[in-house]
Amino acid sequence: MTQFNERHPFKNINSKVIKETEKDGFLVLDLFPFFIGQDEEKLRIYKTDNHPNAKAHRMMADAIYNFLVKMDLIPAD
């Protein structure tokens, strides 16, 4: 939960993992774009702990749910 912009420290690694995973035929949902423009501190457990808090987990869960519905892998509510 840090640097939700072009300077994200794991941007290159994330891109490589997505590319290789898709190349192997897996469906991939990149969650990073869902956090762009968000206030990092409001998505962390603590100011000094970059792990996601409940709000960030809810955002991820919603994104995953919508992706699964869009891919017709689960029914919509």
PDB file of N, CA and C in Angstrom:
ATOM      1  N   MET A   1       0.839  -1.169   0.000  1.00  0.00           N
ATOM      2  CA  MET A   1       0.000   0.000   0.000  1.00  0.00           C
ATOM      3  C   MET A   1       0.890   1.241   0.000  1.00  0.00           C
ATOM      4  N   THR A   2       1.616   1.390  -1.110  1.00  0.00           N
ATOM      5  CA  THR A   2       2.503   2.544  -1.200  1.00  0.00           C
ATOM      6  C   THR A   2       2.691   2.975  -2.643  1.00  0.00           C
ATOM      7  N   GLN A   3       2.874   4.243  -2.834  1.00  0.00           N
ATOM      8  CA  GLN A   3       3.161   4.863  -4.122  1.00  0.00           C
ATOM      9  C   GLN A   3       2.239   4.376  -5.241  1.00  0.00           C
ATOM     10  N   PHE A   4       1.002   4.785  -5.194  1.00  0.00           N
ATOM     11  CA  PHE A   4       0.029   4.412  -6.218  1.00  0.00           C
ATOM     12  C   PHE A   4       0.171   5.332  -7.427  1.00  0.00           C
ATOM     13  N   ASN A   5       1.338   5.237  -8.057  1.00  0.00           N
ATOM     14  CA  ASN A   5       1.628   6.062  -9.222  1.00  0.00           C
ATOM     15  C   ASN A   5       2.705   5.382 -10.063  1.00  0.00           C
ATOM     16  N   GLU A   6       3.255   6.088 -11.023  1.00  0.00           N
ATOM     17  CA  GLU A   6       4.263   5.520 -11.927  1.00  0.00           C
ATOM     18  C   GLU A   6       5.573   5.156 -11.222  1.00  0.00           C
ATOM     19  N   ARG A   7       5.796   5.654 -10.028  1.00  0.00           N
ATOM     20  CA  ARG A   7       7.032   5.359  -9.288  1.00  0.00           C
ATOM     21  C   ARG A   7       6.879   4.187  -8.332  1.00  0.00           C
ATOM     22  N   HIS A   8       5.812   3.431  -8.486  1.00  0.00           N
ATOM     23  CA  HIS A   8       5.593   2.281  -7.603  1.00  0.00           C
ATOM     24  C   HIS A   8       6.815   1.363  -7.642  1.00  0.00           C
ATOM     25  N   PRO A   9       7.359   0.985  -6.484  1.00  0.00           N
ATOM     26  CA  PRO A   9       8.618   0.229  -6.450  1.00  0.00           C
ATOM     27  C   PRO A   9       8.558  -1.157  -7.093  1.00  0.00           C
ATOM     28  N   PHE A  10       7.382  -1.732  -7.235  1.00  0.00           N
ATOM     29  CA  PHE A  10       7.290  -3.076  -7.806  1.00  0.00           C
ATOM     30  C   PHE A  10       6.613  -3.085  -9.176  1.00  0.00           C
ATOM     31  N   LYS A  11       6.518  -1.924  -9.801  1.00  0.00           N
ATOM     32  CA  LYS A  11       5.815  -1.806 -11.081  1.00  0.00           C
ATOM     33  C   LYS A  11       6.390  -2.746 -12.141  1.00  0.00           C
ATOM     34  N   ASN A  12       7.702  -2.760 -12.287  1.00  0.00           N
ATOM     35  CA  ASN A  12       8.331  -3.610 -13.306  1.00  0.00           C
ATOM     36  C   ASN A  12       8.129  -5.089 -13.006  1.00  0.00           C
ATOM     37  N   ILE A  13       8.275  -5.466 -11.759  1.00  0.00           N
ATOM     38  CA  ILE A  13       8.084  -6.864 -11.374  1.00  0.00           C
ATOM     39  C   ILE A  13       6.629  -7.268 -11.620  1.00  0.00           C
ATOM     40  N   ASN A  14       5.709  -6.415 -11.231  1.00  0.00           N
ATOM     41  CA  ASN A  14       4.292  -6.672 -11.425  1.00  0.00           C
ATOM     42  C   ASN A  14       3.988  -6.891 -12.907  1.00  0.00           C
ATOM     43  N   SER A  15       4.519  -6.034 -13.762  1.00  0.00           N
ATOM     44  CA  SER A  15       4.290  -6.149 -15.205  1.00  0.00           C
ATOM     45  C   SER A  15       4.830  -7.466 -15.755  1.00  0.00           C
ATOM     46  N   LYS A  16       6.004  -7.865 -15.297  1.00  0.00           N
ATOM     47  CA  LYS A  16       6.604  -9.125 -15.758  1.00  0.00           C
ATOM     48  C   LYS A  16       5.771 -10.328 -15.324  1.00  0.00           C
ATOM     49  N   VAL A  17       5.319 -10.320 -14.097  1.00  0.00           N
ATOM     50  CA  VAL A  17       4.504 -11.432 -13.589  1.00  0.00           C
ATOM     51  C   VAL A  17       3.196 -11.529 -14.378  1.00  0.00           C
ATOM     52  N   ILE A  18       2.553 -10.404 -14.616  1.00  0.00           N
ATOM     53  CA  ILE A  18       1.299 -10.399 -15.375  1.00  0.00           C
ATOM     54  C   ILE A  18       1.536 -10.928 -16.789  1.00  0.00           C
ATOM     55  N   LYS A  19       2.566 -10.433 -17.450  1.00  0.00           N
ATOM     56  CA  LYS A  19       2.866 -10.847 -18.822  1.00  0.00           C
ATOM     57  C   LYS A  19       3.122 -12.354 -18.901  1.00  0.00           C
ATOM     58  N   GLU A  20       3.935 -12.879 -18.014  1.00  0.00           N
ATOM     59  CA  GLU A  20       4.262 -14.308 -18.034  1.00  0.00           C
ATOM     60  C   GLU A  20       3.051 -15.162 -17.683  1.00  0.00           C
ATOM     61  N   THR A  21       2.265 -14.707 -16.749  1.00  0.00           N
ATOM     62  CA  THR A  21       1.089 -15.457 -16.327  1.00  0.00           C
ATOM     63  C   THR A  21       0.057 -15.514 -17.453  1.00  0.00           C
ATOM     64  N   GLU A  22      -0.170 -14.383 -18.108  1.00  0.00           N
ATOM     65  CA  GLU A  22      -1.103 -14.366 -19.235  1.00  0.00           C
ATOM     66  C   GLU A  22      -0.579 -15.220 -20.389  1.00  0.00           C
ATOM     67  N   LYS A  23       0.731 -15.190 -20.593  1.00  0.00           N
ATOM     68  CA  LYS A  23       1.346 -15.994 -21.651  1.00  0.00           C
ATOM     69  C   LYS A  23       1.094 -17.481 -21.421  1.00  0.00           C
ATOM     70  N   ASP A  24       1.014 -17.869 -20.160  1.00  0.00           N
ATOM     71  CA  ASP A  24       0.761 -19.263 -19.796  1.00  0.00           C
ATOM     72  C   ASP A  24      -0.726 -19.596 -19.809  1.00  0.00           C
ATOM     73  N   GLY A  25      -1.568 -18.630 -20.192  1.00  0.00           N
ATOM     74  CA  GLY A  25      -2.987 -18.902 -20.362  1.00  0.00           C
ATOM     75  C   GLY A  25      -3.863 -18.663 -19.150  1.00  0.00           C
ATOM     76  N   PHE A  26      -3.335 -18.020 -18.132  1.00  0.00           N
ATOM     77  CA  PHE A  26      -4.126 -17.741 -16.935  1.00  0.00           C
ATOM     78  C   PHE A  26      -4.850 -16.405 -17.066  1.00  0.00           C
ATOM     79  N   LEU A  27      -6.019 -16.320 -16.468  1.00  0.00           N
ATOM     80  CA  LEU A  27      -6.698 -15.029 -16.346  1.00  0.00           C
ATOM     81  C   LEU A  27      -5.990 -14.226 -15.271  1.00  0.00           C
ATOM     82  N   VAL A  28      -5.799 -12.952 -15.535  1.00  0.00           N
ATOM     83  CA  VAL A  28      -5.078 -12.104 -14.582  1.00  0.00           C
ATOM     84  C   VAL A  28      -5.883 -10.840 -14.323  1.00  0.00           C
ATOM     85  N   LEU A  29      -5.973 -10.478 -13.071  1.00  0.00           N
ATOM     86  CA  LEU A  29      -6.566  -9.207 -12.684  1.00  0.00           C
ATOM     87  C   LEU A  29      -5.508  -8.415 -11.934  1.00  0.00           C
ATOM     88  N   ASP A  30      -5.057  -7.340 -12.528  1.00  0.00           N
ATOM     89  CA  ASP A  30      -4.086  -6.454 -11.888  1.00  0.00           C
ATOM     90  C   ASP A  30      -4.856  -5.505 -10.981  1.00  0.00           C
ATOM     91  N   LEU A  31      -4.639  -5.613  -9.692  1.00  0.00           N
ATOM     92  CA  LEU A  31      -5.364  -4.775  -8.735  1.00  0.00           C
ATOM     93  C   LEU A  31      -4.757  -3.383  -8.573  1.00  0.00           C
ATOM     94  N   PHE A  32      -3.544  -3.193  -9.028  1.00  0.00           N
ATOM     95  CA  PHE A  32      -2.879  -1.900  -8.847  1.00  0.00           C
ATOM     96  C   PHE A  32      -3.699  -0.723  -9.393  1.00  0.00           C
ATOM     97  N   PRO A  33      -4.264  -0.823 -10.606  1.00  0.00           N
ATOM     98  CA  PRO A  33      -5.023   0.328 -11.117  1.00  0.00           C
ATOM     99  C   PRO A  33      -6.187   0.762 -10.228  1.00  0.00           C
ATOM    100  N   PHE A  34      -6.719  -0.135  -9.431  1.00  0.00           N
ATOM    101  CA  PHE A  34      -7.828   0.217  -8.551  1.00  0.00           C
ATOM    102  C   PHE A  34      -7.389   1.147  -7.414  1.00  0.00           C
ATOM    103  N   PHE A  35      -6.086   1.225  -7.178  1.00  0.00           N
ATOM    104  CA  PHE A  35      -5.574   2.043  -6.084  1.00  0.00           C
ATOM    105  C   PHE A  35      -4.981   3.372  -6.542  1.00  0.00           C
ATOM    106  N   ILE A  36      -4.811   3.552  -7.840  1.00  0.00           N
ATOM    107  CA  ILE A  36      -4.240   4.802  -8.345  1.00  0.00           C
ATOM    108  C   ILE A  36      -5.122   5.973  -7.911  1.00  0.00           C
ATOM    109  N   GLY A  37      -4.465   6.978  -7.369  1.00  0.00           N
ATOM    110  CA  GLY A  37      -5.172   8.175  -6.916  1.00  0.00           C
ATOM    111  C   GLY A  37      -5.722   8.069  -5.505  1.00  0.00           C
ATOM    112  N   GLN A  38      -5.598   6.905  -4.876  1.00  0.00           N
ATOM    113  CA  GLN A  38      -6.086   6.733  -3.507  1.00  0.00           C
ATOM    114  C   GLN A  38      -5.062   7.250  -2.496  1.00  0.00           C
ATOM    115  N   ASP A  39      -5.527   7.636  -1.352  1.00  0.00           N
ATOM    116  CA  ASP A  39      -4.657   8.074  -0.257  1.00  0.00           C
ATOM    117  C   ASP A  39      -4.070   6.833   0.413  1.00  0.00           C
ATOM    118  N   GLU A  40      -2.782   6.626   0.236  1.00  0.00           N
ATOM    119  CA  GLU A  40      -2.097   5.435   0.745  1.00  0.00           C
ATOM    120  C   GLU A  40      -2.311   5.225   2.240  1.00  0.00           C
ATOM    121  N   GLU A  41      -2.216   6.309   2.986  1.00  0.00           N
ATOM    122  CA  GLU A  41      -2.308   6.191   4.442  1.00  0.00           C
ATOM    123  C   GLU A  41      -3.681   5.701   4.902  1.00  0.00           C
ATOM    124  N   LYS A  42      -4.713   5.940   4.104  1.00  0.00           N
ATOM    125  CA  LYS A  42      -6.057   5.495   4.475  1.00  0.00           C
ATOM    126  C   LYS A  42      -6.305   4.037   4.105  1.00  0.00           C
ATOM    127  N   LEU A  43      -5.325   3.400   3.464  1.00  0.00           N
ATOM    128  CA  LEU A  43      -5.468   2.008   3.055  1.00  0.00           C
ATOM    129  C   LEU A  43      -4.501   1.073   3.767  1.00  0.00           C
ATOM    130  N   ARG A  44      -3.717   1.621   4.687  1.00  0.00           N
ATOM    131  CA  ARG A  44      -2.736   0.836   5.445  1.00  0.00           C
ATOM    132  C   ARG A  44      -3.271   0.498   6.830  1.00  0.00           C
ATOM    133  N   ILE A  45      -2.711  -0.577   7.391  1.00  0.00           N
ATOM    134  CA  ILE A  45      -3.059  -0.936   8.762  1.00  0.00           C
ATOM    135  C   ILE A  45      -2.641   0.186   9.716  1.00  0.00           C
ATOM    136  N   TYR A  46      -1.393   0.612   9.591  1.00  0.00           N
ATOM    137  CA  TYR A  46      -0.842   1.721  10.384  1.00  0.00           C
ATOM    138  C   TYR A  46      -0.002   2.574   9.458  1.00  0.00           C
ATOM    139  N   LYS A  47       0.323   3.767   9.865  1.00  0.00           N
ATOM    140  CA  LYS A  47       1.166   4.647   9.037  1.00  0.00           C
ATOM    141  C   LYS A  47       2.509   4.012   8.716  1.00  0.00           C
ATOM    142  N   THR A  48       3.013   3.197   9.628  1.00  0.00           N
ATOM    143  CA  THR A  48       4.332   2.588   9.429  1.00  0.00           C
ATOM    144  C   THR A  48       4.247   1.142   8.938  1.00  0.00           C
ATOM    145  N   ASP A  49       3.042   0.678   8.617  1.00  0.00           N
ATOM    146  CA  ASP A  49       2.851  -0.706   8.147  1.00  0.00           C
ATOM    147  C   ASP A  49       2.076  -0.664   6.833  1.00  0.00           C
ATOM    148  N   ASN A  50       2.744  -1.047   5.750  1.00  0.00           N
ATOM    149  CA  ASN A  50       2.140  -0.940   4.422  1.00  0.00           C
ATOM    150  C   ASN A  50       1.147  -2.045   4.093  1.00  0.00           C
ATOM    151  N   HIS A  51       0.858  -2.923   5.021  1.00  0.00           N
ATOM    152  CA  HIS A  51      -0.122  -3.980   4.746  1.00  0.00           C
ATOM    153  C   HIS A  51      -1.523  -3.367   4.622  1.00  0.00           C
ATOM    154  N   PRO A  52      -2.351  -3.941   3.746  1.00  0.00           N
ATOM    155  CA  PRO A  52      -3.690  -3.380   3.532  1.00  0.00           C
ATOM    156  C   PRO A  52      -4.611  -3.529   4.735  1.00  0.00           C
ATOM    157  N   ASN A  53      -5.415  -2.494   4.951  1.00  0.00           N
ATOM    158  CA  ASN A  53      -6.405  -2.532   6.026  1.00  0.00           C
ATOM    159  C   ASN A  53      -7.739  -3.047   5.479  1.00  0.00           C
ATOM    160  N   ALA A  54      -8.780  -2.974   6.270  1.00  0.00           N
ATOM    161  CA  ALA A  54     -10.089  -3.491   5.872  1.00  0.00           C
ATOM    162  C   ALA A  54     -10.631  -2.777   4.630  1.00  0.00           C
ATOM    163  N   LYS A  55     -10.445  -1.459   4.545  1.00  0.00           N
ATOM    164  CA  LYS A  55     -10.928  -0.711   3.384  1.00  0.00           C
ATOM    165  C   LYS A  55     -10.236  -1.198   2.107  1.00  0.00           C
ATOM    166  N   ALA A  56      -8.929  -1.389   2.160  1.00  0.00           N
ATOM    167  CA  ALA A  56      -8.179  -1.871   0.992  1.00  0.00           C
ATOM    168  C   ALA A  56      -8.607  -3.280   0.613  1.00  0.00           C
ATOM    169  N   HIS A  57      -8.822  -4.130   1.613  1.00  0.00           N
ATOM    170  CA  HIS A  57      -9.288  -5.483   1.332  1.00  0.00           C
ATOM    171  C   HIS A  57     -10.685  -5.464   0.693  1.00  0.00           C
ATOM    172  N   ARG A  58     -11.533  -4.561   1.114  1.00  0.00           N
ATOM    173  CA  ARG A  58     -12.863  -4.440   0.523  1.00  0.00           C
ATOM    174  C   ARG A  58     -12.750  -4.012  -0.937  1.00  0.00           C
ATOM    175  N   MET A  59     -11.853  -3.067  -1.218  1.00  0.00           N
ATOM    176  CA  MET A  59     -11.649  -2.629  -2.597  1.00  0.00           C
ATOM    177  C   MET A  59     -11.179  -3.793  -3.472  1.00  0.00           C
ATOM    178  N   MET A  60     -10.260  -4.585  -2.934  1.00  0.00           N
ATOM    179  CA  MET A  60      -9.757  -5.739  -3.691  1.00  0.00           C
ATOM    180  C   MET A  60     -10.853  -6.777  -3.892  1.00  0.00           C
ATOM    181  N   ALA A  61     -11.618  -7.039  -2.853  1.00  0.00           N
ATOM    182  CA  ALA A  61     -12.703  -8.021  -2.956  1.00  0.00           C
ATOM    183  C   ALA A  61     -13.735  -7.587  -3.993  1.00  0.00           C
ATOM    184  N   ASP A  62     -14.089  -6.316  -3.995  1.00  0.00           N
ATOM    185  CA  ASP A  62     -15.051  -5.804  -4.977  1.00  0.00           C
ATOM    186  C   ASP A  62     -14.502  -5.929  -6.399  1.00  0.00           C
ATOM    187  N   ALA A  63     -13.228  -5.606  -6.569  1.00  0.00           N
ATOM    188  CA  ALA A  63     -12.608  -5.702  -7.894  1.00  0.00           C
ATOM    189  C   ALA A  63     -12.584  -7.150  -8.382  1.00  0.00           C
ATOM    190  N   ILE A  64     -12.245  -8.066  -7.499  1.00  0.00           N
ATOM    191  CA  ILE A  64     -12.205  -9.486  -7.859  1.00  0.00           C
ATOM    192  C   ILE A  64     -13.605  -9.981  -8.194  1.00  0.00           C
ATOM    193  N   TYR A  65     -14.572  -9.630  -7.386  1.00  0.00           N
ATOM    194  CA  TYR A  65     -15.955 -10.040  -7.638  1.00  0.00           C
ATOM    195  C   TYR A  65     -16.420  -9.542  -9.008  1.00  0.00           C
ATOM    196  N   ASN A  66     -16.215  -8.258  -9.277  1.00  0.00           N
ATOM    197  CA  ASN A  66     -16.646  -7.683 -10.552  1.00  0.00           C
ATOM    198  C   ASN A  66     -15.928  -8.333 -11.732  1.00  0.00           C
ATOM    199  N   PHE A  67     -14.671  -8.656 -11.569  1.00  0.00           N
ATOM    200  CA  PHE A  67     -13.906  -9.341 -12.611  1.00  0.00           C
ATOM    201  C   PHE A  67     -14.497 -10.721 -12.887  1.00  0.00           C
ATOM    202  N   LEU A  68     -14.799 -11.449 -11.834  1.00  0.00           N
ATOM    203  CA  LEU A  68     -15.365 -12.793 -12.000  1.00  0.00           C
ATOM    204  C   LEU A  68     -16.731 -12.747 -12.673  1.00  0.00           C
ATOM    205  N   VAL A  69     -17.530 -11.750 -12.336  1.00  0.00           N
ATOM    206  CA  VAL A  69     -18.836 -11.580 -12.987  1.00  0.00           C
ATOM    207  C   VAL A  69     -18.622 -11.219 -14.454  1.00  0.00           C
ATOM    208  N   LYS A  70     -17.741 -10.276 -14.711  1.00  0.00           N
ATOM    209  CA  LYS A  70     -17.476  -9.833 -16.083  1.00  0.00           C
ATOM    210  C   LYS A  70     -16.985 -10.987 -16.957  1.00  0.00           C
ATOM    211  N   MET A  71     -16.173 -11.866 -16.394  1.00  0.00           N
ATOM    212  CA  MET A  71     -15.644 -13.004 -17.152  1.00  0.00           C
ATOM    213  C   MET A  71     -16.656 -14.150 -17.197  1.00  0.00           C
ATOM    214  N   ASP A  72     -17.835 -13.927 -16.629  1.00  0.00           N
ATOM    215  CA  ASP A  72     -18.923 -14.911 -16.602  1.00  0.00           C
ATOM    216  C   ASP A  72     -18.504 -16.198 -15.872  1.00  0.00           C
ATOM    217  N   LEU A  73     -17.714 -16.017 -14.823  1.00  0.00           N
ATOM    218  CA  LEU A  73     -17.260 -17.158 -14.021  1.00  0.00           C
ATOM    219  C   LEU A  73     -18.133 -17.390 -12.796  1.00  0.00           C
ATOM    220  N   ILE A  74     -18.860 -16.339 -12.405  1.00  0.00           N
ATOM    221  CA  ILE A  74     -19.848 -16.463 -11.326  1.00  0.00           C
ATOM    222  C   ILE A  74     -21.057 -15.618 -11.716  1.00  0.00           C
ATOM    223  N   PRO A  75     -22.228 -15.949 -11.184  1.00  0.00           N
ATOM    224  CA  PRO A  75     -23.410 -15.142 -11.497  1.00  0.00           C
ATOM    225  C   PRO A  75     -23.383 -13.815 -10.744  1.00  0.00           C
ATOM    226  N   ALA A  76     -23.962 -12.807 -11.337  1.00  0.00           N
ATOM    227  CA  ALA A  76     -24.096 -11.519 -10.652  1.00  0.00           C
ATOM    228  C   ALA A  76     -25.197 -11.634  -9.613  1.00  0.00           C
ATOM    229  N   ASP A  77     -25.113 -10.811  -8.573  1.00  0.00           N
ATOM    230  CA  ASP A  77     -26.157 -10.800  -7.543  1.00  0.00           C
ATOM    231  C   ASP A  77     -27.476 -10.380  -8.117  1.00  0.00           C
TER     232      ASP A  77
END
